Amino acid sequence: MNNPSKNTSTYNYNATSDTLSISFRSGELATGIELTDYILLRVNKQSQQVVGITLLDYSVLVQPTELGSH
């Protein structure tokens, strides 16, 4: 049976490191997979479930460009 408290999404922005972390399943052990220089996907290797994502240099990622967002 799923624990509802583990399925609650949370987020945290750290202004010092300009990092936005989003957790879909708080408290689970995870391995980071670097998708790009700015995006780190966190995966529980045992269950093969995505448990979170980290966006590095967040303020850069949200800046508009000629083609839209990064």
Protein backbone atom coordinates (compact mmCIF):
# COMPACT_ATOMS: atom_id res chain seq x y z
CA MET A 1 0.00 0.00 0.00
CA ASN A 2 1.31 3.49 -0.86
CA ASN A 3 2.11 5.89 1.95
CA PRO A 4 0.21 9.11 1.07
CA SER A 5 2.71 11.30 2.90
CA LYS A 6 5.51 10.01 0.65
CA ASN A 7 3.57 11.00 -2.47
CA THR A 8 3.32 14.67 -1.53
CA SER A 9 5.28 16.95 -3.85
CA THR A 10 7.45 19.60 -2.24
CA TYR A 11 9.82 22.19 -3.62
CA ASN A 12 12.66 24.29 -2.30
CA TYR A 13 14.46 27.20 -3.93
CA ASN A 14 17.96 28.04 -2.68
CA ALA A 15 18.83 31.60 -3.73
CA THR A 16 22.51 31.22 -2.81
CA SER A 17 23.05 28.31 -5.21
CA ASP A 18 20.19 29.37 -7.56
CA THR A 19 18.81 25.84 -7.39
CA LEU A 20 15.19 24.67 -7.48
CA SER A 21 14.60 21.17 -6.10
CA ILE A 22 11.26 19.44 -6.59
CA SER A 23 10.56 16.21 -4.74
CA PHE A 24 7.70 13.97 -5.80
CA ARG A 25 8.39 11.33 -3.15
CA SER A 26 10.08 12.89 -0.14
CA GLY A 27 12.48 10.84 1.93
CA GLU A 28 13.37 8.22 -0.67
CA LEU A 29 16.94 7.36 -1.51
CA ALA A 30 17.77 8.38 -5.05
CA THR A 31 20.47 8.38 -7.68
CA GLY A 32 20.98 11.49 -9.77
CA ILE A 33 21.00 11.30 -13.55
CA GLU A 34 22.35 14.40 -15.30
CA LEU A 35 20.04 15.11 -18.23
CA THR A 36 21.67 18.43 -19.16
CA ASP A 37 24.13 20.85 -17.55
CA TYR A 38 21.13 22.33 -15.72
CA ILE A 39 18.78 19.40 -15.04
CA LEU A 40 19.34 16.52 -12.62
CA LEU A 41 16.71 13.78 -12.49
CA ARG A 42 16.53 11.86 -9.19
CA VAL A 43 15.50 8.21 -9.50
CA ASN A 44 14.94 5.46 -6.93
CA LYS A 45 17.00 2.66 -8.47
CA GLN A 46 15.16 -0.10 -6.63
CA SER A 47 11.63 0.92 -7.66
CA GLN A 48 12.76 2.61 -10.90
CA GLN A 49 10.54 5.58 -10.03
CA VAL A 50 11.36 9.25 -10.51
CA VAL A 51 11.42 10.82 -7.05
CA GLY A 52 12.49 14.34 -7.93
CA ILE A 53 14.20 16.82 -10.19
CA THR A 54 16.77 19.52 -9.52
CA LEU A 55 17.12 22.58 -11.73
CA LEU A 56 20.56 24.19 -11.49
CA ASP A 57 21.08 27.87 -12.36
CA TYR A 58 17.30 28.21 -12.19
CA SER A 59 17.25 31.96 -12.90
CA VAL A 60 19.10 31.28 -16.18
CA LEU A 61 16.61 28.57 -17.18
CA VAL A 62 13.58 30.82 -16.78
CA GLN A 63 14.96 33.72 -18.81
CA PRO A 64 13.14 34.20 -22.12
CA THR A 65 15.12 33.80 -25.33
CA GLU A 66 14.29 34.54 -28.96
CA LEU A 67 12.97 30.97 -29.24
CA GLY A 68 11.12 31.00 -25.90
CA SER A 69 12.21 29.62 -22.54
CA HIS A 70 15.41 27.55 -22.26
